Amino acid sequence: MKTENTKAQMRKGVLEYCILLVLNSEPLYAINIIKDLKDAKMIVVEGTLYPLLTRLKNDGLLSYRWEESTQGPPRKYYELTENGKSFLNELEISWSDLVKAVNTVKKNRA
C-alpha cells in the first residue's frame, strides 16, 4: 500500500487549521500563506489555497483587504475575524485532544 495517498489525506485534513494558525499572528498575502505552509512541509498550491480562503471568508472566519503593491497590482491580505479567532481556539482544543488520543493509542500498543 502506498503511504503517499494517506499522508496527503492527513495533510488535507489539517490544512484549514494550519491556514488559521498562519493567519493568527498577522494579515498575510496568499503567496506568504503558501510559503509558510510549504516551509512547514504542508505542500499547498494556489489552486488548493484560494478555494479554501474563499470558503473560510464566506463562513465569516476570514476577512480581506486590498493593499497597494510597489511590485504590480494591489494585493489581497487575509486576516482572521473575531469569529475566526474563536473558531481557531476551538480547533486548538480539538487538535490537542486528538494528539492526546493518538499518543494514548500508540503508548497502549507499544
PDB file of N, CA and C in Angstrom:
ATOM      1  N   MET A   1       0.844  -1.176   0.000  1.00  0.00           N
ATOM      2  CA  MET A   1       0.000   0.000   0.000  1.00  0.00           C
ATOM      3  C   MET A   1       0.893   1.244   0.000  1.00  0.00           C
ATOM      4  N   LYS A   2       0.536   2.203  -0.813  1.00  0.00           N
ATOM      5  CA  LYS A   2       1.318   3.430  -0.882  1.00  0.00           C
ATOM      6  C   LYS A   2       0.929   4.369   0.258  1.00  0.00           C
ATOM      7  N   THR A   3       1.934   4.875   0.937  1.00  0.00           N
ATOM      8  CA  THR A   3       1.666   5.777   2.056  1.00  0.00           C
ATOM      9  C   THR A   3       1.427   7.212   1.599  1.00  0.00           C
ATOM     10  N   GLU A   4       1.834   7.550   0.377  1.00  0.00           N
ATOM     11  CA  GLU A   4       1.710   8.936  -0.083  1.00  0.00           C
ATOM     12  C   GLU A   4       0.260   9.420  -0.074  1.00  0.00           C
ATOM     13  N   ASN A   5      -0.670   8.576  -0.489  1.00  0.00           N
ATOM     14  CA  ASN A   5      -2.081   8.970  -0.502  1.00  0.00           C
ATOM     15  C   ASN A   5      -2.583   9.228   0.914  1.00  0.00           C
ATOM     16  N   THR A   6      -2.225   8.358   1.838  1.00  0.00           N
ATOM     17  CA  THR A   6      -2.655   8.532   3.229  1.00  0.00           C
ATOM     18  C   THR A   6      -2.041   9.790   3.819  1.00  0.00           C
ATOM     19  N   LYS A   7      -0.762  10.021   3.550  1.00  0.00           N
ATOM     20  CA  LYS A   7      -0.106  11.237   4.068  1.00  0.00           C
ATOM     21  C   LYS A   7      -0.752  12.489   3.477  1.00  0.00           C
ATOM     22  N   ALA A   8      -1.105  12.440   2.197  1.00  0.00           N
ATOM     23  CA  ALA A   8      -1.769  13.587   1.567  1.00  0.00           C
ATOM     24  C   ALA A   8      -3.128  13.837   2.204  1.00  0.00           C
ATOM     25  N   GLN A   9      -3.871  12.782   2.501  1.00  0.00           N
ATOM     26  CA  GLN A   9      -5.179  12.925   3.137  1.00  0.00           C
ATOM     27  C   GLN A   9      -5.043  13.490   4.550  1.00  0.00           C
ATOM     28  N   MET A  10      -3.988  13.075   5.260  1.00  0.00           N
ATOM     29  CA  MET A  10      -3.764  13.604   6.610  1.00  0.00           C
ATOM     30  C   MET A  10      -3.463  15.105   6.548  1.00  0.00           C
ATOM     31  N   ARG A  11      -2.612  15.504   5.599  1.00  0.00           N
ATOM     32  CA  ARG A  11      -2.297  16.936   5.440  1.00  0.00           C
ATOM     33  C   ARG A  11      -3.550  17.715   5.072  1.00  0.00           C
ATOM     34  N   LYS A  12      -4.333  17.153   4.163  1.00  0.00           N
ATOM     35  CA  LYS A  12      -5.564  17.811   3.718  1.00  0.00           C
ATOM     36  C   LYS A  12      -6.518  18.028   4.889  1.00  0.00           C
ATOM     37  N   GLY A  13      -6.559  17.056   5.802  1.00  0.00           N
ATOM     38  CA  GLY A  13      -7.462  17.133   6.940  1.00  0.00           C
ATOM     39  C   GLY A  13      -7.120  18.244   7.918  1.00  0.00           C
ATOM     40  N   VAL A  14      -5.872  18.634   7.981  1.00  0.00           N
ATOM     41  CA  VAL A  14      -5.466  19.679   8.929  1.00  0.00           C
ATOM     42  C   VAL A  14      -5.123  21.001   8.236  1.00  0.00           C
ATOM     43  N   LEU A  15      -5.318  21.063   6.929  1.00  0.00           N
ATOM     44  CA  LEU A  15      -4.941  22.263   6.183  1.00  0.00           C
ATOM     45  C   LEU A  15      -5.706  23.508   6.638  1.00  0.00           C
ATOM     46  N   GLU A  16      -7.001  23.386   6.832  1.00  0.00           N
ATOM     47  CA  GLU A  16      -7.810  24.531   7.267  1.00  0.00           C
ATOM     48  C   GLU A  16      -7.298  25.057   8.613  1.00  0.00           C
ATOM     49  N   TYR A  17      -7.027  24.148   9.525  1.00  0.00           N
ATOM     50  CA  TYR A  17      -6.481  24.517  10.835  1.00  0.00           C
ATOM     51  C   TYR A  17      -5.142  25.239  10.673  1.00  0.00           C
ATOM     52  N   CYS A  18      -4.277  24.723   9.809  1.00  0.00           N
ATOM     53  CA  CYS A  18      -2.964  25.340   9.606  1.00  0.00           C
ATOM     54  C   CYS A  18      -3.076  26.741   8.986  1.00  0.00           C
ATOM     55  N   ILE A  19      -4.010  26.918   8.071  1.00  0.00           N
ATOM     56  CA  ILE A  19      -4.217  28.244   7.470  1.00  0.00           C
ATOM     57  C   ILE A  19      -4.627  29.240   8.553  1.00  0.00           C
ATOM     58  N   LEU A  20      -5.542  28.840   9.413  1.00  0.00           N
ATOM     59  CA  LEU A  20      -5.974  29.730  10.500  1.00  0.00           C
ATOM     60  C   LEU A  20      -4.818  30.020  11.454  1.00  0.00           C
ATOM     61  N   LEU A  21      -3.988  29.018  11.732  1.00  0.00           N
ATOM     62  CA  LEU A  21      -2.822  29.236  12.592  1.00  0.00           C
ATOM     63  C   LEU A  21      -1.864  30.249  11.979  1.00  0.00           C
ATOM     64  N   VAL A  22      -1.613  30.117  10.687  1.00  0.00           N
ATOM     65  CA  VAL A  22      -0.706  31.033   9.993  1.00  0.00           C
ATOM     66  C   VAL A  22      -1.234  32.459  10.056  1.00  0.00           C
ATOM     67  N   LEU A  23      -2.540  32.607   9.905  1.00  0.00           N
ATOM     68  CA  LEU A  23      -3.137  33.946   9.894  1.00  0.00           C
ATOM     69  C   LEU A  23      -3.388  34.503  11.293  1.00  0.00           C
ATOM     70  N   ASN A  24      -3.161  33.715  12.314  1.00  0.00           N
ATOM     71  CA  ASN A  24      -3.427  34.162  13.678  1.00  0.00           C
ATOM     72  C   ASN A  24      -2.503  35.292  14.108  1.00  0.00           C
ATOM     73  N   SER A  25      -1.297  35.329  13.585  1.00  0.00           N
ATOM     74  CA  SER A  25      -0.333  36.324  14.051  1.00  0.00           C
ATOM     75  C   SER A  25      -0.403  37.650  13.291  1.00  0.00           C
ATOM     76  N   GLU A  26      -0.800  37.593  12.002  1.00  0.00           N
ATOM     77  CA  GLU A  26      -0.839  38.824  11.210  1.00  0.00           C
ATOM     78  C   GLU A  26      -1.570  38.589   9.898  1.00  0.00           C
ATOM     79  N   PRO A  27      -2.103  39.657   9.296  1.00  0.00           N
ATOM     80  CA  PRO A  27      -2.708  39.522   7.969  1.00  0.00           C
ATOM     81  C   PRO A  27      -1.621  39.153   6.958  1.00  0.00           C
ATOM     82  N   LEU A  28      -1.958  38.291   6.019  1.00  0.00           N
ATOM     83  CA  LEU A  28      -0.975  37.851   5.032  1.00  0.00           C
ATOM     84  C   LEU A  28      -1.566  37.805   3.635  1.00  0.00           C
ATOM     85  N   TYR A  29      -0.687  38.020   2.669  1.00  0.00           N
ATOM     86  CA  TYR A  29      -0.966  37.860   1.257  1.00  0.00           C
ATOM     87  C   TYR A  29      -0.922  36.360   0.962  1.00  0.00           C
ATOM     88  N   ALA A  30      -1.727  35.884   0.033  1.00  0.00           N
ATOM     89  CA  ALA A  30      -1.842  34.442  -0.228  1.00  0.00           C
ATOM     90  C   ALA A  30      -0.491  33.783  -0.491  1.00  0.00           C
ATOM     91  N   ILE A  31       0.381  34.444  -1.214  1.00  0.00           N
ATOM     92  CA  ILE A  31       1.698  33.853  -1.508  1.00  0.00           C
ATOM     93  C   ILE A  31       2.479  33.627  -0.217  1.00  0.00           C
ATOM     94  N   ASN A  32       2.334  34.527   0.754  1.00  0.00           N
ATOM     95  CA  ASN A  32       3.010  34.348   2.038  1.00  0.00           C
ATOM     96  C   ASN A  32       2.415  33.183   2.822  1.00  0.00           C
ATOM     97  N   ILE A  33       1.114  32.979   2.700  1.00  0.00           N
ATOM     98  CA  ILE A  33       0.467  31.835   3.345  1.00  0.00           C
ATOM     99  C   ILE A  33       1.032  30.550   2.756  1.00  0.00           C
ATOM    100  N   ILE A  34       1.110  30.487   1.436  1.00  0.00           N
ATOM    101  CA  ILE A  34       1.661  29.311   0.766  1.00  0.00           C
ATOM    102  C   ILE A  34       3.096  29.067   1.211  1.00  0.00           C
ATOM    103  N   LYS A  35       3.904  30.123   1.283  1.00  0.00           N
ATOM    104  CA  LYS A  35       5.304  29.975   1.698  1.00  0.00           C
ATOM    105  C   LYS A  35       5.399  29.404   3.110  1.00  0.00           C
ATOM    106  N   ASP A  36       4.612  29.957   4.030  1.00  0.00           N
ATOM    107  CA  ASP A  36       4.637  29.457   5.412  1.00  0.00           C
ATOM    108  C   ASP A  36       4.236  27.981   5.479  1.00  0.00           C
ATOM    109  N   LEU A  37       3.229  27.609   4.711  1.00  0.00           N
ATOM    110  CA  LEU A  37       2.782  26.219   4.714  1.00  0.00           C
ATOM    111  C   LEU A  37       3.814  25.301   4.063  1.00  0.00           C
ATOM    112  N   LYS A  38       4.438  25.760   2.981  1.00  0.00           N
ATOM    113  CA  LYS A  38       5.485  24.959   2.337  1.00  0.00           C
ATOM    114  C   LYS A  38       6.690  24.805   3.252  1.00  0.00           C
ATOM    115  N   ASP A  39       7.041  25.877   3.964  1.00  0.00           N
ATOM    116  CA  ASP A  39       8.162  25.800   4.913  1.00  0.00           C
ATOM    117  C   ASP A  39       7.900  24.740   5.981  1.00  0.00           C
ATOM    118  N   ALA A  40       6.634  24.530   6.308  1.00  0.00           N
ATOM    119  CA  ALA A  40       6.248  23.536   7.315  1.00  0.00           C
ATOM    120  C   ALA A  40       5.994  22.155   6.684  1.00  0.00           C
ATOM    121  N   LYS A  41       6.315  22.019   5.395  1.00  0.00           N
ATOM    122  CA  LYS A  41       6.112  20.758   4.656  1.00  0.00           C
ATOM    123  C   LYS A  41       4.639  20.435   4.421  1.00  0.00           C
ATOM    124  N   MET A  42       3.792  21.449   4.522  1.00  0.00           N
ATOM    125  CA  MET A  42       2.373  21.307   4.176  1.00  0.00           C
ATOM    126  C   MET A  42       2.242  21.794   2.732  1.00  0.00           C
ATOM    127  N   ILE A  43       2.577  20.938   1.810  1.00  0.00           N
ATOM    128  CA  ILE A  43       2.665  21.323   0.407  1.00  0.00           C
ATOM    129  C   ILE A  43       1.297  21.772  -0.096  1.00  0.00           C
ATOM    130  N   VAL A  44       1.244  23.022  -0.550  1.00  0.00           N
ATOM    131  CA  VAL A  44      -0.006  23.625  -0.996  1.00  0.00           C
ATOM    132  C   VAL A  44       0.264  24.424  -2.262  1.00  0.00           C
ATOM    133  N   VAL A  45      -0.664  24.371  -3.191  1.00  0.00           N
ATOM    134  CA  VAL A  45      -0.581  25.170  -4.407  1.00  0.00           C
ATOM    135  C   VAL A  45      -1.736  26.160  -4.416  1.00  0.00           C
ATOM    136  N   GLU A  46      -1.613  27.175  -5.258  1.00  0.00           N
ATOM    137  CA  GLU A  46      -2.646  28.209  -5.305  1.00  0.00           C
ATOM    138  C   GLU A  46      -4.026  27.634  -5.588  1.00  0.00           C
ATOM    139  N   GLY A  47      -4.095  26.619  -6.438  1.00  0.00           N
ATOM    140  CA  GLY A  47      -5.374  26.015  -6.790  1.00  0.00           C
ATOM    141  C   GLY A  47      -6.064  25.347  -5.614  1.00  0.00           C
ATOM    142  N   THR A  48      -5.302  25.005  -4.598  1.00  0.00           N
ATOM    143  CA  THR A  48      -5.867  24.435  -3.375  1.00  0.00           C
ATOM    144  C   THR A  48      -6.197  25.535  -2.380  1.00  0.00           C
ATOM    145  N   LEU A  49      -5.315  26.516  -2.275  1.00  0.00           N
ATOM    146  CA  LEU A  49      -5.461  27.544  -1.255  1.00  0.00           C
ATOM    147  C   LEU A  49      -6.620  28.501  -1.510  1.00  0.00           C
ATOM    148  N   TYR A  50      -6.739  29.024  -2.717  1.00  0.00           N
ATOM    149  CA  TYR A  50      -7.741  30.054  -2.963  1.00  0.00           C
ATOM    150  C   TYR A  50      -9.178  29.599  -2.695  1.00  0.00           C
ATOM    151  N   PRO A  51      -9.577  28.409  -3.123  1.00  0.00           N
ATOM    152  CA  PRO A  51     -10.942  27.975  -2.773  1.00  0.00           C
ATOM    153  C   PRO A  51     -11.147  27.850  -1.260  1.00  0.00           C
ATOM    154  N   LEU A  52     -10.115  27.396  -0.543  1.00  0.00           N
ATOM    155  CA  LEU A  52     -10.218  27.304   0.915  1.00  0.00           C
ATOM    156  C   LEU A  52     -10.353  28.684   1.544  1.00  0.00           C
ATOM    157  N   LEU A  53      -9.560  29.649   1.073  1.00  0.00           N
ATOM    158  CA  LEU A  53      -9.652  31.016   1.597  1.00  0.00           C
ATOM    159  C   LEU A  53     -11.036  31.597   1.343  1.00  0.00           C
ATOM    160  N   THR A  54     -11.569  31.348   0.157  1.00  0.00           N
ATOM    161  CA  THR A  54     -12.905  31.844  -0.175  1.00  0.00           C
ATOM    162  C   THR A  54     -13.956  31.219   0.733  1.00  0.00           C
ATOM    163  N   ARG A  55     -13.862  29.911   0.959  1.00  0.00           N
ATOM    164  CA  ARG A  55     -14.827  29.244   1.837  1.00  0.00           C
ATOM    165  C   ARG A  55     -14.727  29.768   3.261  1.00  0.00           C
ATOM    166  N   LEU A  56     -13.502  29.948   3.756  1.00  0.00           N
ATOM    167  CA  LEU A  56     -13.313  30.471   5.112  1.00  0.00           C
ATOM    168  C   LEU A  56     -13.852  31.892   5.231  1.00  0.00           C
ATOM    169  N   LYS A  57     -13.681  32.694   4.168  1.00  0.00           N
ATOM    170  CA  LYS A  57     -14.229  34.046   4.156  1.00  0.00           C
ATOM    171  C   LYS A  57     -15.752  34.000   4.150  1.00  0.00           C
ATOM    172  N   ASN A  58     -16.323  33.142   3.303  1.00  0.00           N
ATOM    173  CA  ASN A  58     -17.780  33.019   3.225  1.00  0.00           C
ATOM    174  C   ASN A  58     -18.382  32.506   4.526  1.00  0.00           C
ATOM    175  N   ASP A  59     -17.611  31.739   5.284  1.00  0.00           N
ATOM    176  CA  ASP A  59     -18.060  31.235   6.583  1.00  0.00           C
ATOM    177  C   ASP A  59     -17.877  32.272   7.695  1.00  0.00           C
ATOM    178  N   GLY A  60     -17.336  33.432   7.352  1.00  0.00           N
ATOM    179  CA  GLY A  60     -17.165  34.501   8.329  1.00  0.00           C
ATOM    180  C   GLY A  60     -15.934  34.354   9.211  1.00  0.00           C
ATOM    181  N   LEU A  61     -15.016  33.464   8.835  1.00  0.00           N
ATOM    182  CA  LEU A  61     -13.826  33.232   9.651  1.00  0.00           C
ATOM    183  C   LEU A  61     -12.658  34.116   9.234  1.00  0.00           C
ATOM    184  N   LEU A  62     -12.678  34.574   7.984  1.00  0.00           N
ATOM    185  CA  LEU A  62     -11.641  35.451   7.454  1.00  0.00           C
ATOM    186  C   LEU A  62     -12.265  36.686   6.838  1.00  0.00           C
ATOM    187  N   SER A  63     -11.485  37.739   6.803  1.00  0.00           N
ATOM    188  CA  SER A  63     -11.828  38.915   6.016  1.00  0.00           C
ATOM    189  C   SER A  63     -10.594  39.240   5.187  1.00  0.00           C
ATOM    190  N   TYR A  64     -10.743  40.176   4.277  1.00  0.00           N
ATOM    191  CA  TYR A  64      -9.574  40.582   3.499  1.00  0.00           C
ATOM    192  C   TYR A  64      -9.637  42.072   3.224  1.00  0.00           C
ATOM    193  N   ARG A  65      -8.476  42.586   2.895  1.00  0.00           N
ATOM    194  CA  ARG A  65      -8.389  43.991   2.483  1.00  0.00           C
ATOM    195  C   ARG A  65      -7.390  44.078   1.337  1.00  0.00           C
ATOM    196  N   TRP A  66      -7.619  45.050   0.480  1.00  0.00           N
ATOM    197  CA  TRP A  66      -6.709  45.277  -0.638  1.00  0.00           C
ATOM    198  C   TRP A  66      -5.640  46.269  -0.203  1.00  0.00           C
ATOM    199  N   GLU A  67      -4.418  46.008  -0.606  1.00  0.00           N
ATOM    200  CA  GLU A  67      -3.313  46.903  -0.276  1.00  0.00           C
ATOM    201  C   GLU A  67      -2.478  47.123  -1.534  1.00  0.00           C
ATOM    202  N   GLU A  68      -2.154  48.385  -1.788  1.00  0.00           N
ATOM    203  CA  GLU A  68      -1.326  48.712  -2.950  1.00  0.00           C
ATOM    204  C   GLU A  68       0.028  48.021  -2.828  1.00  0.00           C
ATOM    205  N   SER A  69       0.576  47.639  -3.972  1.00  0.00           N
ATOM    206  CA  SER A  69       1.873  46.977  -4.003  1.00  0.00           C
ATOM    207  C   SER A  69       2.850  47.812  -4.813  1.00  0.00           C
ATOM    208  N   THR A  70       4.097  47.813  -4.394  1.00  0.00           N
ATOM    209  CA  THR A  70       5.128  48.517  -5.173  1.00  0.00           C
ATOM    210  C   THR A  70       5.556  47.667  -6.362  1.00  0.00           C
ATOM    211  N   GLN A  71       5.152  46.402  -6.373  1.00  0.00           N
ATOM    212  CA  GLN A  71       5.535  45.478  -7.441  1.00  0.00           C
ATOM    213  C   GLN A  71       4.299  44.868  -8.085  1.00  0.00           C
ATOM    214  N   GLY A  72       3.571  45.650  -8.848  1.00  0.00           N
ATOM    215  CA  GLY A  72       2.417  45.105  -9.556  1.00  0.00           C
ATOM    216  C   GLY A  72       1.096  45.570  -9.000  1.00  0.00           C
ATOM    217  N   PRO A  73       0.064  44.774  -9.264  1.00  0.00           N
ATOM    218  CA  PRO A  73      -1.299  45.167  -8.869  1.00  0.00           C
ATOM    219  C   PRO A  73      -1.493  45.102  -7.357  1.00  0.00           C
ATOM    220  N   PRO A  74      -2.594  45.677  -6.870  1.00  0.00           N
ATOM    221  CA  PRO A  74      -2.885  45.588  -5.426  1.00  0.00           C
ATOM    222  C   PRO A  74      -2.978  44.135  -4.981  1.00  0.00           C
ATOM    223  N   ARG A  75      -2.670  43.911  -3.713  1.00  0.00           N
ATOM    224  CA  ARG A  75      -2.676  42.567  -3.146  1.00  0.00           C
ATOM    225  C   ARG A  75      -3.790  42.430  -2.115  1.00  0.00           C
ATOM    226  N   LYS A  76      -4.354  41.238  -2.086  1.00  0.00           N
ATOM    227  CA  LYS A  76      -5.413  40.934  -1.130  1.00  0.00           C
ATOM    228  C   LYS A  76      -4.774  40.285   0.096  1.00  0.00           C
ATOM    229  N   TYR A  77      -4.931  40.937   1.248  1.00  0.00           N
ATOM    230  CA  TYR A  77      -4.397  40.422   2.506  1.00  0.00           C
ATOM    231  C   TYR A  77      -5.541  39.838   3.333  1.00  0.00           C
ATOM    232  N   TYR A  78      -5.339  38.608   3.784  1.00  0.00           N
ATOM    233  CA  TYR A  78      -6.349  37.899   4.571  1.00  0.00           C
ATOM    234  C   TYR A  78      -6.021  38.004   6.049  1.00  0.00           C
ATOM    235  N   GLU A  79      -7.070  38.074   6.862  1.00  0.00           N
ATOM    236  CA  GLU A  79      -6.883  38.071   8.307  1.00  0.00           C
ATOM    237  C   GLU A  79      -8.077  37.410   8.987  1.00  0.00           C
ATOM    238  N   LEU A  80      -7.833  36.941  10.217  1.00  0.00           N
ATOM    239  CA  LEU A  80      -8.895  36.306  10.982  1.00  0.00           C
ATOM    240  C   LEU A  80      -9.897  37.339  11.474  1.00  0.00           C
ATOM    241  N   THR A  81     -11.163  36.988  11.423  1.00  0.00           N
ATOM    242  CA  THR A  81     -12.201  37.802  12.053  1.00  0.00           C
ATOM    243  C   THR A  81     -12.282  37.369  13.521  1.00  0.00           C
ATOM    244  N   GLU A  82     -13.113  38.038  14.286  1.00  0.00           N
ATOM    245  CA  GLU A  82     -13.324  37.607  15.678  1.00  0.00           C
ATOM    246  C   GLU A  82     -13.899  36.191  15.711  1.00  0.00           C
ATOM    247  N   ASN A  83     -14.824  35.899  14.789  1.00  0.00           N
ATOM    248  CA  ASN A  83     -15.362  34.535  14.694  1.00  0.00           C
ATOM    249  C   ASN A  83     -14.259  33.545  14.342  1.00  0.00           C
ATOM    250  N   GLY A  84     -13.352  33.961  13.470  1.00  0.00           N
ATOM    251  CA  GLY A  84     -12.233  33.108  13.087  1.00  0.00           C
ATOM    252  C   GLY A  84     -11.317  32.816  14.260  1.00  0.00           C
ATOM    253  N   LYS A  85     -11.085  33.823  15.091  1.00  0.00           N
ATOM    254  CA  LYS A  85     -10.243  33.618  16.279  1.00  0.00           C
ATOM    255  C   LYS A  85     -10.903  32.654  17.259  1.00  0.00           C
ATOM    256  N   SER A  86     -12.206  32.798  17.441  1.00  0.00           N
ATOM    257  CA  SER A  86     -12.939  31.886  18.323  1.00  0.00           C
ATOM    258  C   SER A  86     -12.911  30.467  17.769  1.00  0.00           C
ATOM    259  N   PHE A  87     -13.128  30.349  16.464  1.00  0.00           N
ATOM    260  CA  PHE A  87     -13.117  29.039  15.818  1.00  0.00           C
ATOM    261  C   PHE A  87     -11.741  28.398  15.949  1.00  0.00           C
ATOM    262  N   LEU A  88     -10.691  29.196  15.764  1.00  0.00           N
ATOM    263  CA  LEU A  88      -9.330  28.686  15.915  1.00  0.00           C
ATOM    264  C   LEU A  88      -9.100  28.180  17.333  1.00  0.00           C
ATOM    265  N   ASN A  89      -9.578  28.903  18.317  1.00  0.00           N
ATOM    266  CA  ASN A  89      -9.436  28.449  19.704  1.00  0.00           C
ATOM    267  C   ASN A  89     -10.109  27.089  19.909  1.00  0.00           C
ATOM    268  N   GLU A  90     -11.285  26.906  19.317  1.00  0.00           N
ATOM    269  CA  GLU A  90     -11.974  25.617  19.411  1.00  0.00           C
ATOM    270  C   GLU A  90     -11.171  24.513  18.724  1.00  0.00           C
ATOM    271  N   LEU A  91     -10.610  24.843  17.548  1.00  0.00           N
ATOM    272  CA  LEU A  91      -9.807  23.856  16.826  1.00  0.00           C
ATOM    273  C   LEU A  91      -8.546  23.494  17.597  1.00  0.00           C
ATOM    274  N   GLU A  92      -7.955  24.455  18.290  1.00  0.00           N
ATOM    275  CA  GLU A  92      -6.750  24.168  19.069  1.00  0.00           C
ATOM    276  C   GLU A  92      -7.055  23.172  20.186  1.00  0.00           C
ATOM    277  N   ILE A  93      -8.205  23.303  20.806  1.00  0.00           N
ATOM    278  CA  ILE A  93      -8.617  22.347  21.842  1.00  0.00           C
ATOM    279  C   ILE A  93      -8.841  20.971  21.214  1.00  0.00           C
ATOM    280  N   SER A  94      -9.533  20.935  20.082  1.00  0.00           N
ATOM    281  CA  SER A  94      -9.795  19.667  19.394  1.00  0.00           C
ATOM    282  C   SER A  94      -8.491  19.011  18.945  1.00  0.00           C
ATOM    283  N   TRP A  95      -7.563  19.820  18.430  1.00  0.00           N
ATOM    284  CA  TRP A  95      -6.272  19.286  17.994  1.00  0.00           C
ATOM    285  C   TRP A  95      -5.521  18.678  19.185  1.00  0.00           C
ATOM    286  N   SER A  96      -5.500  19.377  20.290  1.00  0.00           N
ATOM    287  CA  SER A  96      -4.826  18.875  21.488  1.00  0.00           C
ATOM    288  C   SER A  96      -5.445  17.556  21.939  1.00  0.00           C
ATOM    289  N   ASP A  97      -6.768  17.480  21.944  1.00  0.00           N
ATOM    290  CA  ASP A  97      -7.466  16.247  22.322  1.00  0.00           C
ATOM    291  C   ASP A  97      -7.125  15.105  21.359  1.00  0.00           C
ATOM    292  N   LEU A  98      -7.058  15.412  20.073  1.00  0.00           N
ATOM    293  CA  LEU A  98      -6.742  14.397  19.070  1.00  0.00           C
ATOM    294  C   LEU A  98      -5.314  13.876  19.240  1.00  0.00           C
ATOM    295  N   VAL A  99      -4.371  14.795  19.448  1.00  0.00           N
ATOM    296  CA  VAL A  99      -2.975  14.387  19.649  1.00  0.00           C
ATOM    297  C   VAL A  99      -2.856  13.496  20.887  1.00  0.00           C
ATOM    298  N   LYS A 100      -3.539  13.875  21.958  1.00  0.00           N
ATOM    299  CA  LYS A 100      -3.526  13.051  23.181  1.00  0.00           C
ATOM    300  C   LYS A 100      -4.098  11.669  22.909  1.00  0.00           C
ATOM    301  N   ALA A 101      -5.199  11.605  22.176  1.00  0.00           N
ATOM    302  CA  ALA A 101      -5.831  10.319  21.878  1.00  0.00           C
ATOM    303  C   ALA A 101      -4.907   9.435  21.042  1.00  0.00           C
ATOM    304  N   VAL A 102      -4.281   9.992  20.033  1.00  0.00           N
ATOM    305  CA  VAL A 102      -3.369   9.217  19.193  1.00  0.00           C
ATOM    306  C   VAL A 102      -2.171   8.746  20.012  1.00  0.00           C
ATOM    307  N   ASN A 103      -1.624   9.619  20.834  1.00  0.00           N
ATOM    308  CA  ASN A 103      -0.492   9.226  21.675  1.00  0.00           C
ATOM    309  C   ASN A 103      -0.889   8.136  22.669  1.00  0.00           C
ATOM    310  N   THR A 104      -2.103   8.177  23.178  1.00  0.00           N
ATOM    311  CA  THR A 104      -2.583   7.142  24.082  1.00  0.00           C
ATOM    312  C   THR A 104      -2.657   5.796  23.348  1.00  0.00           C
ATOM    313  N   VAL A 105      -3.203   5.819  22.149  1.00  0.00           N
ATOM    314  CA  VAL A 105      -3.281   4.583  21.353  1.00  0.00           C
ATOM    315  C   VAL A 105      -1.871   4.045  21.096  1.00  0.00           C
ATOM    316  N   LYS A 106      -0.946   4.921  20.723  1.00  0.00           N
ATOM    317  CA  LYS A 106       0.428   4.483  20.455  1.00  0.00           C
ATOM    318  C   LYS A 106       1.069   3.898  21.720  1.00  0.00           C
ATOM    319  N   LYS A 107       0.891   4.581  22.825  1.00  0.00           N
ATOM    320  CA  LYS A 107       1.508   4.131  24.088  1.00  0.00           C
ATOM    321  C   LYS A 107       0.931   2.791  24.532  1.00  0.00           C
ATOM    322  N   ASN A 108      -0.377   2.624  24.392  1.00  0.00           N
ATOM    323  CA  ASN A 108      -1.030   1.388  24.816  1.00  0.00           C
ATOM    324  C   ASN A 108      -0.652   0.194  23.960  1.00  0.00           C
ATOM    325  N   ARG A 109      -0.185   0.447  22.753  1.00  0.00           N
ATOM    326  CA  ARG A 109       0.172  -0.644  21.842  1.00  0.00           C
ATOM    327  C   ARG A 109       1.683  -0.802  21.659  1.00  0.00           C
ATOM    328  N   ALA A 110       2.452  -0.043  22.403  1.00  0.00           N
ATOM    329  CA  ALA A 110       3.919  -0.115  22.253  1.00  0.00           C
ATOM    330  C   ALA A 110       4.501  -1.299  22.988  1.00  0.00           C
TER     331      ALA A 110
END
